[in-house]
């Protein structure tokens, strides 16, 4: 995926001298990047994982969530309908 991003950045054309934009957002965002993987550790890992899943499902209509409990960690896989939902969720929750 990093190689794809690097190749896409070759297509960036910064012609705006007033606003100082330095990247074409489409060059660094993959339209199929809709899966968010999170790992929670510690005593409250399961509770924190459930809270994140609840937030995602309350915010967006079609979010699939899978929670995997391991020895001392909890893995959460959130699959959003589109990339922008994943990005918004990450920004809103500082993830």
PDB file of N, CA and C in Angstrom:
ATOM      1  N   UNK A   1       0.816  -1.179   0.000  1.00  0.00           N
ATOM      2  CA  UNK A   1       0.000   0.000   0.000  1.00  0.00           C
ATOM      3  C   UNK A   1       0.869   1.255   0.000  1.00  0.00           C
ATOM      4  N   UNK A   2       1.983   1.258   0.724  1.00  0.00           N
ATOM      5  CA  UNK A   2       2.854   2.428   0.766  1.00  0.00           C
ATOM      6  C   UNK A   2       3.425   2.701  -0.621  1.00  0.00           C
ATOM      7  N   UNK A   3       3.760   1.636  -1.376  1.00  0.00           N
ATOM      8  CA  UNK A   3       4.269   1.832  -2.729  1.00  0.00           C
ATOM      9  C   UNK A   3       3.224   2.504  -3.608  1.00  0.00           C
ATOM     10  N   UNK A   4       1.964   2.130  -3.439  1.00  0.00           N
ATOM     11  CA  UNK A   4       0.881   2.743  -4.202  1.00  0.00           C
ATOM     12  C   UNK A   4       0.770   4.222  -3.886  1.00  0.00           C
ATOM     13  N   UNK A   5       0.868   4.562  -2.626  1.00  0.00           N
ATOM     14  CA  UNK A   5       0.795   5.971  -2.219  1.00  0.00           C
ATOM     15  C   UNK A   5       1.949   6.751  -2.826  1.00  0.00           C
ATOM     16  N   UNK A   6       3.144   6.200  -2.767  1.00  0.00           N
ATOM     17  CA  UNK A   6       4.313   6.889  -3.319  1.00  0.00           C
ATOM     18  C   UNK A   6       4.152   7.113  -4.824  1.00  0.00           C
ATOM     19  N   UNK A   7       3.626   6.111  -5.526  1.00  0.00           N
ATOM     20  CA  UNK A   7       3.393   6.263  -6.967  1.00  0.00           C
ATOM     21  C   UNK A   7       2.350   7.335  -7.235  1.00  0.00           C
ATOM     22  N   UNK A   8       1.289   7.361  -6.419  1.00  0.00           N
ATOM     23  CA  UNK A   8       0.233   8.342  -6.609  1.00  0.00           C
ATOM     24  C   UNK A   8       0.728   9.748  -6.323  1.00  0.00           C
ATOM     25  N   UNK A   9       1.677   9.898  -5.430  1.00  0.00           N
ATOM     26  CA  UNK A   9       2.194  11.219  -5.102  1.00  0.00           C
ATOM     27  C   UNK A   9       2.968  11.826  -6.270  1.00  0.00           C
ATOM     28  N   UNK A  10       3.436  10.998  -7.190  1.00  0.00           N
ATOM     29  CA  UNK A  10       4.108  11.514  -8.373  1.00  0.00           C
ATOM     30  C   UNK A  10       3.152  12.333  -9.235  1.00  0.00           C
ATOM     31  N   UNK A  11       1.846  12.107  -9.056  1.00  0.00           N
ATOM     32  CA  UNK A  11       0.835  12.818  -9.840  1.00  0.00           C
ATOM     33  C   UNK A  11       0.420  14.140  -9.208  1.00  0.00           C
ATOM     34  N   UNK A  12       0.989  14.488  -8.080  1.00  0.00           N
ATOM     35  CA  UNK A  12       0.617  15.715  -7.381  1.00  0.00           C
ATOM     36  C   UNK A  12       1.117  16.916  -8.165  1.00  0.00           C
ATOM     37  N   UNK A  13       0.218  17.873  -8.379  1.00  0.00           N
ATOM     38  CA  UNK A  13       0.571  19.088  -9.105  1.00  0.00           C
ATOM     39  C   UNK A  13       0.145  20.275  -8.264  1.00  0.00           C
ATOM     40  N   UNK A  14       1.088  20.892  -7.588  1.00  0.00           N
ATOM     41  CA  UNK A  14       0.790  22.032  -6.722  1.00  0.00           C
ATOM     42  C   UNK A  14       0.942  23.318  -7.518  1.00  0.00           C
ATOM     43  N   UNK A  15      -0.167  23.885  -7.938  1.00  0.00           N
ATOM     44  CA  UNK A  15      -0.134  25.120  -8.713  1.00  0.00           C
ATOM     45  C   UNK A  15      -0.695  26.287  -7.928  1.00  0.00           C
ATOM     46  N   UNK A  16      -1.102  26.055  -6.695  1.00  0.00           N
ATOM     47  CA  UNK A  16      -1.718  27.102  -5.887  1.00  0.00           C
ATOM     48  C   UNK A  16      -0.651  27.767  -5.014  1.00  0.00           C
ATOM     49  N   UNK A  17      -0.248  28.979  -5.380  1.00  0.00           N
ATOM     50  CA  UNK A  17       0.762  29.674  -4.596  1.00  0.00           C
ATOM     51  C   UNK A  17       0.141  30.460  -3.453  1.00  0.00           C
ATOM     52  N   UNK A  18      -1.171  30.687  -3.509  1.00  0.00           N
ATOM     53  CA  UNK A  18      -1.850  31.457  -2.465  1.00  0.00           C
ATOM     54  C   UNK A  18      -2.204  30.610  -1.249  1.00  0.00           C
ATOM     55  N   UNK A  19      -2.702  29.415  -1.499  1.00  0.00           N
ATOM     56  CA  UNK A  19      -3.196  28.610  -0.383  1.00  0.00           C
ATOM     57  C   UNK A  19      -2.133  27.684   0.202  1.00  0.00           C
ATOM     58  N   UNK A  20      -1.079  27.419  -0.552  1.00  0.00           N
ATOM     59  CA  UNK A  20      -0.003  26.592  -0.031  1.00  0.00           C
ATOM     60  C   UNK A  20      -0.337  25.114   0.050  1.00  0.00           C
ATOM     61  N   UNK A  21      -1.326  24.652  -0.707  1.00  0.00           N
ATOM     62  CA  UNK A  21      -1.627  23.226  -0.685  1.00  0.00           C
ATOM     63  C   UNK A  21      -0.438  22.473  -1.262  1.00  0.00           C
ATOM     64  N   UNK A  22      -0.113  21.353  -0.668  1.00  0.00           N
ATOM     65  CA  UNK A  22       1.061  20.630  -1.120  1.00  0.00           C
ATOM     66  C   UNK A  22       0.779  19.198  -1.497  1.00  0.00           C
ATOM     67  N   UNK A  23      -0.484  18.801  -1.448  1.00  0.00           N
ATOM     68  CA  UNK A  23      -0.800  17.424  -1.806  1.00  0.00           C
ATOM     69  C   UNK A  23      -2.226  17.354  -2.338  1.00  0.00           C
ATOM     70  N   UNK A  24      -2.408  16.528  -3.324  1.00  0.00           N
ATOM     71  CA  UNK A  24      -3.738  16.248  -3.847  1.00  0.00           C
ATOM     72  C   UNK A  24      -4.300  15.123  -2.993  1.00  0.00           C
ATOM     73  N   UNK A  25      -5.376  15.395  -2.302  1.00  0.00           N
ATOM     74  CA  UNK A  25      -5.911  14.430  -1.326  1.00  0.00           C
ATOM     75  C   UNK A  25      -6.181  13.066  -1.971  1.00  0.00           C
ATOM     76  N   UNK A  26      -6.544  13.060  -3.237  1.00  0.00           N
ATOM     77  CA  UNK A  26      -6.788  11.794  -3.926  1.00  0.00           C
ATOM     78  C   UNK A  26      -5.521  10.993  -4.163  1.00  0.00           C
ATOM     79  N   UNK A  27      -4.383  11.642  -4.027  1.00  0.00           N
ATOM     80  CA  UNK A  27      -3.120  10.946  -4.235  1.00  0.00           C
ATOM     81  C   UNK A  27      -2.694  10.144  -3.013  1.00  0.00           C
ATOM     82  N   UNK A  28      -3.252  10.443  -1.851  1.00  0.00           N
ATOM     83  CA  UNK A  28      -2.829   9.741  -0.644  1.00  0.00           C
ATOM     84  C   UNK A  28      -3.944   8.944   0.016  1.00  0.00           C
ATOM     85  N   UNK A  29      -5.149   9.071  -0.488  1.00  0.00           N
ATOM     86  CA  UNK A  29      -6.272   8.324   0.083  1.00  0.00           C
ATOM     87  C   UNK A  29      -6.726   7.278  -0.922  1.00  0.00           C
ATOM     88  N   UNK A  30      -6.710   6.060  -0.506  1.00  0.00           N
ATOM     89  CA  UNK A  30      -7.173   4.965  -1.350  1.00  0.00           C
ATOM     90  C   UNK A  30      -8.664   4.786  -1.127  1.00  0.00           C
ATOM     91  N   UNK A  31      -9.431   4.766  -2.202  1.00  0.00           N
ATOM     92  CA  UNK A  31     -10.880   4.678  -2.073  1.00  0.00           C
ATOM     93  C   UNK A  31     -11.351   3.383  -1.410  1.00  0.00           C
ATOM     94  N   UNK A  32     -10.496   2.381  -1.355  1.00  0.00           N
ATOM     95  CA  UNK A  32     -10.860   1.100  -0.739  1.00  0.00           C
ATOM     96  C   UNK A  32     -10.302   0.941   0.667  1.00  0.00           C
ATOM     97  N   UNK A  33      -9.795   2.024   1.245  1.00  0.00           N
ATOM     98  CA  UNK A  33      -9.222   1.981   2.590  1.00  0.00           C
ATOM     99  C   UNK A  33     -10.327   2.236   3.616  1.00  0.00           C
ATOM    100  N   UNK A  34     -11.169   1.241   3.816  1.00  0.00           N
ATOM    101  CA  UNK A  34     -12.331   1.414   4.692  1.00  0.00           C
ATOM    102  C   UNK A  34     -12.296   0.508   5.926  1.00  0.00           C
ATOM    103  N   UNK A  35     -11.162  -0.112   6.198  1.00  0.00           N
ATOM    104  CA  UNK A  35     -11.044  -1.010   7.347  1.00  0.00           C
ATOM    105  C   UNK A  35     -10.111  -0.391   8.382  1.00  0.00           C
ATOM    106  N   UNK A  36     -10.591  -0.304   9.608  1.00  0.00           N
ATOM    107  CA  UNK A  36      -9.813   0.246  10.716  1.00  0.00           C
ATOM    108  C   UNK A  36      -9.528  -0.866  11.717  1.00  0.00           C
ATOM    109  N   UNK A  37      -8.247  -1.111  11.975  1.00  0.00           N
ATOM    110  CA  UNK A  37      -7.819  -2.119  12.938  1.00  0.00           C
ATOM    111  C   UNK A  37      -7.332  -1.421  14.205  1.00  0.00           C
ATOM    112  N   UNK A  38      -7.874  -1.802  15.338  1.00  0.00           N
ATOM    113  CA  UNK A  38      -7.489  -1.213  16.617  1.00  0.00           C
ATOM    114  C   UNK A  38      -7.126  -2.319  17.591  1.00  0.00           C
ATOM    115  N   UNK A  39      -6.145  -2.039  18.460  1.00  0.00           N
ATOM    116  CA  UNK A  39      -5.739  -2.994  19.490  1.00  0.00           C
ATOM    117  C   UNK A  39      -5.845  -2.307  20.840  1.00  0.00           C
ATOM    118  N   UNK A  40      -6.503  -2.969  21.772  1.00  0.00           N
ATOM    119  CA  UNK A  40      -6.669  -2.455  23.129  1.00  0.00           C
ATOM    120  C   UNK A  40      -5.970  -3.397  24.089  1.00  0.00           C
ATOM    121  N   UNK A  41      -5.254  -2.811  25.042  1.00  0.00           N
ATOM    122  CA  UNK A  41      -4.520  -3.587  26.045  1.00  0.00           C
ATOM    123  C   UNK A  41      -4.939  -3.157  27.437  1.00  0.00           C
ATOM    124  N   UNK A  42      -4.680  -4.019  28.398  1.00  0.00           N
ATOM    125  CA  UNK A  42      -4.903  -3.659  29.791  1.00  0.00           C
ATOM    126  C   UNK A  42      -6.210  -4.186  30.359  1.00  0.00           C
ATOM    127  N   UNK A  43      -6.457  -3.796  31.597  1.00  0.00           N
ATOM    128  CA  UNK A  43      -7.636  -4.276  32.336  1.00  0.00           C
ATOM    129  C   UNK A  43      -8.943  -3.910  31.658  1.00  0.00           C
ATOM    130  N   UNK A  44      -9.007  -2.709  31.083  1.00  0.00           N
ATOM    131  CA  UNK A  44     -10.251  -2.214  30.501  1.00  0.00           C
ATOM    132  C   UNK A  44     -10.314  -2.398  28.992  1.00  0.00           C
ATOM    133  N   UNK A  45      -9.486  -3.251  28.448  1.00  0.00           N
ATOM    134  CA  UNK A  45      -9.402  -3.420  27.003  1.00  0.00           C
ATOM    135  C   UNK A  45     -10.749  -3.787  26.383  1.00  0.00           C
ATOM    136  N   UNK A  46     -11.427  -4.742  26.987  1.00  0.00           N
ATOM    137  CA  UNK A  46     -12.701  -5.186  26.419  1.00  0.00           C
ATOM    138  C   UNK A  46     -13.754  -4.078  26.484  1.00  0.00           C
ATOM    139  N   UNK A  47     -13.790  -3.362  27.581  1.00  0.00           N
ATOM    140  CA  UNK A  47     -14.740  -2.270  27.746  1.00  0.00           C
ATOM    141  C   UNK A  47     -14.458  -1.145  26.739  1.00  0.00           C
ATOM    142  N   UNK A  48     -13.182  -0.797  26.569  1.00  0.00           N
ATOM    143  CA  UNK A  48     -12.796   0.235  25.615  1.00  0.00           C
ATOM    144  C   UNK A  48     -13.134  -0.183  24.187  1.00  0.00           C
ATOM    145  N   UNK A  49     -12.911  -1.438  23.868  1.00  0.00           N
ATOM    146  CA  UNK A  49     -13.229  -1.954  22.537  1.00  0.00           C
ATOM    147  C   UNK A  49     -14.727  -1.859  22.270  1.00  0.00           C
ATOM    148  N   UNK A  50     -15.528  -2.269  23.239  1.00  0.00           N
ATOM    149  CA  UNK A  50     -16.988  -2.192  23.089  1.00  0.00           C
ATOM    150  C   UNK A  50     -17.445  -0.748  22.896  1.00  0.00           C
ATOM    151  N   UNK A  51     -16.825   0.172  23.607  1.00  0.00           N
ATOM    152  CA  UNK A  51     -17.182   1.589  23.501  1.00  0.00           C
ATOM    153  C   UNK A  51     -16.886   2.121  22.097  1.00  0.00           C
ATOM    154  N   UNK A  52     -15.747   1.763  21.543  1.00  0.00           N
ATOM    155  CA  UNK A  52     -15.395   2.209  20.199  1.00  0.00           C
ATOM    156  C   UNK A  52     -16.368   1.630  19.166  1.00  0.00           C
ATOM    157  N   UNK A  53     -16.715   0.379  19.312  1.00  0.00           N
ATOM    158  CA  UNK A  53     -17.665  -0.249  18.394  1.00  0.00           C
ATOM    159  C   UNK A  53     -19.017   0.455  18.496  1.00  0.00           C
ATOM    160  N   UNK A  54     -19.452   0.733  19.691  1.00  0.00           N
ATOM    161  CA  UNK A  54     -20.721   1.428  19.902  1.00  0.00           C
ATOM    162  C   UNK A  54     -20.704   2.819  19.260  1.00  0.00           C
ATOM    163  N   UNK A  55     -19.614   3.550  19.444  1.00  0.00           N
ATOM    164  CA  UNK A  55     -19.484   4.884  18.838  1.00  0.00           C
ATOM    165  C   UNK A  55     -19.576   4.801  17.313  1.00  0.00           C
ATOM    166  N   UNK A  56     -18.883   3.836  16.736  1.00  0.00           N
ATOM    167  CA  UNK A  56     -18.880   3.686  15.281  1.00  0.00           C
ATOM    168  C   UNK A  56     -20.277   3.355  14.763  1.00  0.00           C
ATOM    169  N   UNK A  57     -20.953   2.445  15.438  1.00  0.00           N
ATOM    170  CA  UNK A  57     -22.288   2.035  14.974  1.00  0.00           C
ATOM    171  C   UNK A  57     -23.325   3.135  15.189  1.00  0.00           C
ATOM    172  N   UNK A  58     -23.138   3.947  16.216  1.00  0.00           N
ATOM    173  CA  UNK A  58     -24.053   5.070  16.440  1.00  0.00           C
ATOM    174  C   UNK A  58     -23.819   6.191  15.427  1.00  0.00           C
ATOM    175  N   UNK A  59     -22.594   6.326  14.977  1.00  0.00           N
ATOM    176  CA  UNK A  59     -22.238   7.419  14.065  1.00  0.00           C
ATOM    177  C   UNK A  59     -22.579   7.098  12.618  1.00  0.00           C
ATOM    178  N   UNK A  60     -22.384   5.841  12.204  1.00  0.00           N
ATOM    179  CA  UNK A  60     -22.588   5.448  10.807  1.00  0.00           C
ATOM    180  C   UNK A  60     -23.523   4.242  10.742  1.00  0.00           C
ATOM    181  N   UNK A  61     -24.381   4.252   9.739  1.00  0.00           N
ATOM    182  CA  UNK A  61     -25.420   3.218   9.606  1.00  0.00           C
ATOM    183  C   UNK A  61     -24.870   1.820   9.342  1.00  0.00           C
ATOM    184  N   UNK A  62     -23.897   1.724   8.474  1.00  0.00           N
ATOM    185  CA  UNK A  62     -23.430   0.402   8.040  1.00  0.00           C
ATOM    186  C   UNK A  62     -21.967   0.191   8.412  1.00  0.00           C
ATOM    187  N   UNK A  63     -21.737  -0.162   9.642  1.00  0.00           N
ATOM    188  CA  UNK A  63     -20.393  -0.481  10.111  1.00  0.00           C
ATOM    189  C   UNK A  63     -20.401  -1.921  10.604  1.00  0.00           C
ATOM    190  N   UNK A  64     -19.494  -2.720  10.068  1.00  0.00           N
ATOM    191  CA  UNK A  64     -19.338  -4.084  10.555  1.00  0.00           C
ATOM    192  C   UNK A  64     -18.212  -4.082  11.573  1.00  0.00           C
ATOM    193  N   UNK A  65     -18.428  -4.771  12.685  1.00  0.00           N
ATOM    194  CA  UNK A  65     -17.418  -4.813  13.741  1.00  0.00           C
ATOM    195  C   UNK A  65     -17.135  -6.255  14.138  1.00  0.00           C
ATOM    196  N   UNK A  66     -15.859  -6.553  14.276  1.00  0.00           N
ATOM    197  CA  UNK A  66     -15.419  -7.864  14.743  1.00  0.00           C
ATOM    198  C   UNK A  66     -14.486  -7.620  15.923  1.00  0.00           C
ATOM    199  N   UNK A  67     -14.772  -8.295  17.023  1.00  0.00           N
ATOM    200  CA  UNK A  67     -13.932  -8.183  18.213  1.00  0.00           C
ATOM    201  C   UNK A  67     -13.305  -9.542  18.486  1.00  0.00           C
ATOM    202  N   UNK A  68     -11.972  -9.550  18.565  1.00  0.00           N
ATOM    203  CA  UNK A  68     -11.235 -10.773  18.872  1.00  0.00           C
ATOM    204  C   UNK A  68     -10.514 -10.585  20.191  1.00  0.00           C
ATOM    205  N   UNK A  69     -10.822 -11.461  21.143  1.00  0.00           N
ATOM    206  CA  UNK A  69     -10.176 -11.395  22.459  1.00  0.00           C
ATOM    207  C   UNK A  69      -9.030 -12.399  22.496  1.00  0.00           C
ATOM    208  N   UNK A  70      -7.857 -11.889  22.811  1.00  0.00           N
ATOM    209  CA  UNK A  70      -6.680 -12.725  22.978  1.00  0.00           C
ATOM    210  C   UNK A  70      -6.271 -12.682  24.438  1.00  0.00           C
ATOM    211  N   UNK A  71      -5.136 -13.225  24.767  1.00  0.00           N
ATOM    212  CA  UNK A  71      -4.697 -13.316  26.154  1.00  0.00           C
ATOM    213  C   UNK A  71      -4.839 -12.000  26.919  1.00  0.00           C
ATOM    214  N   UNK A  72      -4.089 -11.019  26.536  1.00  0.00           N
ATOM    215  CA  UNK A  72      -4.115  -9.764  27.278  1.00  0.00           C
ATOM    216  C   UNK A  72      -4.419  -8.561  26.387  1.00  0.00           C
ATOM    217  N   UNK A  73      -5.037  -8.820  25.239  1.00  0.00           N
ATOM    218  CA  UNK A  73      -5.400  -7.727  24.345  1.00  0.00           C
ATOM    219  C   UNK A  73      -6.710  -8.038  23.630  1.00  0.00           C
ATOM    220  N   UNK A  74      -7.309  -6.971  23.110  1.00  0.00           N
ATOM    221  CA  UNK A  74      -8.546  -7.106  22.346  1.00  0.00           C
ATOM    222  C   UNK A  74      -8.332  -6.411  21.011  1.00  0.00           C
ATOM    223  N   UNK A  75      -8.535  -7.139  19.932  1.00  0.00           N
ATOM    224  CA  UNK A  75      -8.422  -6.579  18.585  1.00  0.00           C
ATOM    225  C   UNK A  75      -9.816  -6.248  18.077  1.00  0.00           C
ATOM    226  N   UNK A  76      -9.945  -5.069  17.484  1.00  0.00           N
ATOM    227  CA  UNK A  76     -11.216  -4.648  16.895  1.00  0.00           C
ATOM    228  C   UNK A  76     -10.974  -4.346  15.424  1.00  0.00           C
ATOM    229  N   UNK A  77     -11.828  -4.881  14.570  1.00  0.00           N
ATOM    230  CA  UNK A  77     -11.778  -4.586  13.145  1.00  0.00           C
ATOM    231  C   UNK A  77     -13.109  -3.943  12.777  1.00  0.00           C
ATOM    232  N   UNK A  78     -13.043  -2.671  12.378  1.00  0.00           N
ATOM    233  CA  UNK A  78     -14.233  -1.936  11.957  1.00  0.00           C
ATOM    234  C   UNK A  78     -14.172  -1.778  10.442  1.00  0.00           C
ATOM    235  N   UNK A  79     -15.224  -2.193   9.764  1.00  0.00           N
ATOM    236  CA  UNK A  79     -15.301  -2.038   8.317  1.00  0.00           C
ATOM    237  C   UNK A  79     -16.414  -1.048   8.004  1.00  0.00           C
ATOM    238  N   UNK A  80     -16.030   0.081   7.436  1.00  0.00           N
ATOM    239  CA  UNK A  80     -16.964   1.149   7.103  1.00  0.00           C
ATOM    240  C   UNK A  80     -17.426   0.992   5.658  1.00  0.00           C
ATOM    241  N   UNK A  81     -18.533   1.633   5.313  1.00  0.00           N
ATOM    242  CA  UNK A  81     -19.059   1.554   3.948  1.00  0.00           C
ATOM    243  C   UNK A  81     -18.119   2.200   2.941  1.00  0.00           C
ATOM    244  N   UNK A  82     -17.555   3.337   3.326  1.00  0.00           N
ATOM    245  CA  UNK A  82     -16.660   4.070   2.433  1.00  0.00           C
ATOM    246  C   UNK A  82     -15.488   4.635   3.235  1.00  0.00           C
ATOM    247  N   UNK A  83     -14.435   4.983   2.536  1.00  0.00           N
ATOM    248  CA  UNK A  83     -13.216   5.487   3.159  1.00  0.00           C
ATOM    249  C   UNK A  83     -13.462   6.729   3.994  1.00  0.00           C
ATOM    250  N   UNK A  84     -14.293   7.633   3.499  1.00  0.00           N
ATOM    251  CA  UNK A  84     -14.508   8.895   4.217  1.00  0.00           C
ATOM    252  C   UNK A  84     -15.108   8.655   5.603  1.00  0.00           C
ATOM    253  N   UNK A  85     -15.944   7.650   5.752  1.00  0.00           N
ATOM    254  CA  UNK A  85     -16.498   7.337   7.077  1.00  0.00           C
ATOM    255  C   UNK A  85     -15.383   6.923   8.029  1.00  0.00           C
ATOM    256  N   UNK A  86     -14.479   6.093   7.538  1.00  0.00           N
ATOM    257  CA  UNK A  86     -13.341   5.669   8.369  1.00  0.00           C
ATOM    258  C   UNK A  86     -12.523   6.877   8.790  1.00  0.00           C
ATOM    259  N   UNK A  87     -12.225   7.760   7.838  1.00  0.00           N
ATOM    260  CA  UNK A  87     -11.415   8.937   8.126  1.00  0.00           C
ATOM    261  C   UNK A  87     -12.105   9.862   9.125  1.00  0.00           C
ATOM    262  N   UNK A  88     -13.386  10.090   8.940  1.00  0.00           N
ATOM    263  CA  UNK A  88     -14.133  10.941   9.865  1.00  0.00           C
ATOM    264  C   UNK A  88     -14.130  10.351  11.273  1.00  0.00           C
ATOM    265  N   UNK A  89     -14.352   9.063  11.350  1.00  0.00           N
ATOM    266  CA  UNK A  89     -14.364   8.391  12.644  1.00  0.00           C
ATOM    267  C   UNK A  89     -13.010   8.515  13.338  1.00  0.00           C
ATOM    268  N   UNK A  90     -11.941   8.335  12.592  1.00  0.00           N
ATOM    269  CA  UNK A  90     -10.601   8.470  13.154  1.00  0.00           C
ATOM    270  C   UNK A  90     -10.360   9.884  13.651  1.00  0.00           C
ATOM    271  N   UNK A  91     -10.740  10.875  12.869  1.00  0.00           N
ATOM    272  CA  UNK A  91     -10.524  12.265  13.270  1.00  0.00           C
ATOM    273  C   UNK A  91     -11.380  12.643  14.483  1.00  0.00           C
ATOM    274  N   UNK A  92     -12.630  12.232  14.469  1.00  0.00           N
ATOM    275  CA  UNK A  92     -13.544  12.577  15.568  1.00  0.00           C
ATOM    276  C   UNK A  92     -13.126  11.937  16.877  1.00  0.00           C
ATOM    277  N   UNK A  93     -12.453  10.804  16.794  1.00  0.00           N
ATOM    278  CA  UNK A  93     -12.076  10.059  18.006  1.00  0.00           C
ATOM    279  C   UNK A  93     -10.577  10.049  18.253  1.00  0.00           C
ATOM    280  N   UNK A  94      -9.849  10.887  17.557  1.00  0.00           N
ATOM    281  CA  UNK A  94      -8.392  10.995  17.706  1.00  0.00           C
ATOM    282  C   UNK A  94      -7.688   9.645  17.607  1.00  0.00           C
ATOM    283  N   UNK A  95      -8.037   8.879  16.608  1.00  0.00           N
ATOM    284  CA  UNK A  95      -7.442   7.550  16.412  1.00  0.00           C
ATOM    285  C   UNK A  95      -6.383   7.580  15.331  1.00  0.00           C
TER     286      UNK A  95
END
